[in-house]
Amino acid sequence: MQLKWTNVQEIAEALAETHTGVDPLKVRFTDLHKWVCELDEFEDQPDRSNEKVLEAIQMAWLDEVED
């Protein structure tokens, strides 16, 4: 599956798998952006994200690690 910035939940799941043990709330948005762009399945333009999208990914990732 190719991931785009709109695939917030799928990105969060992938980050939870690739960055185990990381507290999503302690990740700077610059690092979060970089990590999303580095995902193998990610196929979107890096400049299409914004703070709102990154925050949504961060909160979904937090939900993943808390479950």
C-alpha atoms as a PDB file:
ATOM      1  CA  MET A   1       0.000   0.000   0.000  1.00  0.00           C
ATOM      2  CA  GLN A   2       1.317   3.421  -0.897  1.00  0.00           C
ATOM      3  CA  LEU A   3       0.993   5.890   1.957  1.00  0.00           C
ATOM      4  CA  LYS A   4       0.080   9.530   1.549  1.00  0.00           C
ATOM      5  CA  TRP A   5      -0.163  12.225   4.206  1.00  0.00           C
ATOM      6  CA  THR A   6      -3.912  11.556   4.398  1.00  0.00           C
ATOM      7  CA  ASN A   7      -3.292   7.953   5.571  1.00  0.00           C
ATOM      8  CA  VAL A   8      -2.820   9.098   9.170  1.00  0.00           C
ATOM      9  CA  GLN A   9      -3.745   5.804  10.853  1.00  0.00           C
ATOM     10  CA  GLU A  10      -1.645   3.652   8.546  1.00  0.00           C
ATOM     11  CA  ILE A  11       1.345   5.961   8.983  1.00  0.00           C
ATOM     12  CA  ALA A  12       0.922   5.806  12.766  1.00  0.00           C
ATOM     13  CA  GLU A  13       0.869   1.994  12.645  1.00  0.00           C
ATOM     14  CA  ALA A  14       4.012   1.925  10.514  1.00  0.00           C
ATOM     15  CA  LEU A  15       5.809   4.320  12.858  1.00  0.00           C
ATOM     16  CA  ALA A  16       4.810   2.214  15.875  1.00  0.00           C
ATOM     17  CA  GLU A  17       6.361  -0.816  14.155  1.00  0.00           C
ATOM     18  CA  THR A  18       9.556   0.890  12.993  1.00  0.00           C
ATOM     19  CA  HIS A  19      10.207   3.020  16.083  1.00  0.00           C
ATOM     20  CA  THR A  20       9.325   0.700  18.953  1.00  0.00           C
ATOM     21  CA  GLY A  21       9.884   2.078  22.420  1.00  0.00           C
ATOM     22  CA  VAL A  22       9.684   5.696  21.267  1.00  0.00           C
ATOM     23  CA  ASP A  23       7.310   8.048  23.075  1.00  0.00           C
ATOM     24  CA  PRO A  24       5.448   9.823  20.253  1.00  0.00           C
ATOM     25  CA  LEU A  25       4.941  12.896  22.436  1.00  0.00           C
ATOM     26  CA  LYS A  26       8.702  13.387  22.718  1.00  0.00           C
ATOM     27  CA  VAL A  27       9.317  13.350  18.950  1.00  0.00           C
ATOM     28  CA  ARG A  28       9.883  16.766  17.377  1.00  0.00           C
ATOM     29  CA  PHE A  29       7.786  17.479  14.303  1.00  0.00           C
ATOM     30  CA  THR A  30      10.954  17.832  12.216  1.00  0.00           C
ATOM     31  CA  ASP A  31      11.964  14.285  13.166  1.00  0.00           C
ATOM     32  CA  LEU A  32       8.429  12.985  12.712  1.00  0.00           C
ATOM     33  CA  HIS A  33       8.305  14.470   9.204  1.00  0.00           C
ATOM     34  CA  LYS A  34      11.644  12.850   8.364  1.00  0.00           C
ATOM     35  CA  TRP A  35      10.578   9.455   9.731  1.00  0.00           C
ATOM     36  CA  VAL A  36       7.325   9.494   7.767  1.00  0.00           C
ATOM     37  CA  CYS A  37       9.172  10.365   4.561  1.00  0.00           C
ATOM     38  CA  GLU A  38      11.627   7.508   5.232  1.00  0.00           C
ATOM     39  CA  LEU A  39       8.881   4.857   5.436  1.00  0.00           C
ATOM     40  CA  ASP A  40       9.228   2.383   2.567  1.00  0.00           C
ATOM     41  CA  GLU A  41       5.524   2.635   1.714  1.00  0.00           C
ATOM     42  CA  PHE A  42       5.447   6.446   1.769  1.00  0.00           C
ATOM     43  CA  GLU A  43       4.853   7.888  -1.704  1.00  0.00           C
ATOM     44  CA  ASP A  44       3.723  11.494  -1.205  1.00  0.00           C
ATOM     45  CA  GLN A  45       5.389  14.865  -1.637  1.00  0.00           C
ATOM     46  CA  PRO A  46       7.306  15.870   1.521  1.00  0.00           C
ATOM     47  CA  ASP A  47       6.096  19.457   1.286  1.00  0.00           C
ATOM     48  CA  ARG A  48       2.418  18.457   1.395  1.00  0.00           C
ATOM     49  CA  SER A  49       2.444  18.049   5.167  1.00  0.00           C
ATOM     50  CA  ASN A  50       1.733  20.692   7.762  1.00  0.00           C
ATOM     51  CA  GLU A  51       1.610  20.964  11.533  1.00  0.00           C
ATOM     52  CA  LYS A  52      -2.017  19.804  11.657  1.00  0.00           C
ATOM     53  CA  VAL A  53      -1.229  16.614   9.715  1.00  0.00           C
ATOM     54  CA  LEU A  54       1.863  15.881  11.805  1.00  0.00           C
ATOM     55  CA  GLU A  55      -0.105  16.399  15.014  1.00  0.00           C
ATOM     56  CA  ALA A  56      -2.802  14.004  13.795  1.00  0.00           C
ATOM     57  CA  ILE A  57      -0.133  11.393  13.006  1.00  0.00           C
ATOM     58  CA  GLN A  58       1.468  11.927  16.417  1.00  0.00           C
ATOM     59  CA  MET A  59      -1.865  11.447  18.231  1.00  0.00           C
ATOM     60  CA  ALA A  60      -2.733   8.340  16.194  1.00  0.00           C
ATOM     61  CA  TRP A  61       0.734   6.945  16.924  1.00  0.00           C
ATOM     62  CA  LEU A  62       0.185   7.623  20.629  1.00  0.00           C
ATOM     63  CA  ASP A  63      -3.098   5.690  20.465  1.00  0.00           C
ATOM     64  CA  GLU A  64      -1.237   2.802  18.821  1.00  0.00           C
ATOM     65  CA  VAL A  65       1.409   2.526  21.522  1.00  0.00           C
ATOM     66  CA  GLU A  66      -1.108   2.930  24.353  1.00  0.00           C
ATOM     67  CA  ASP A  67      -3.302   0.053  23.147  1.00  0.00           C
END
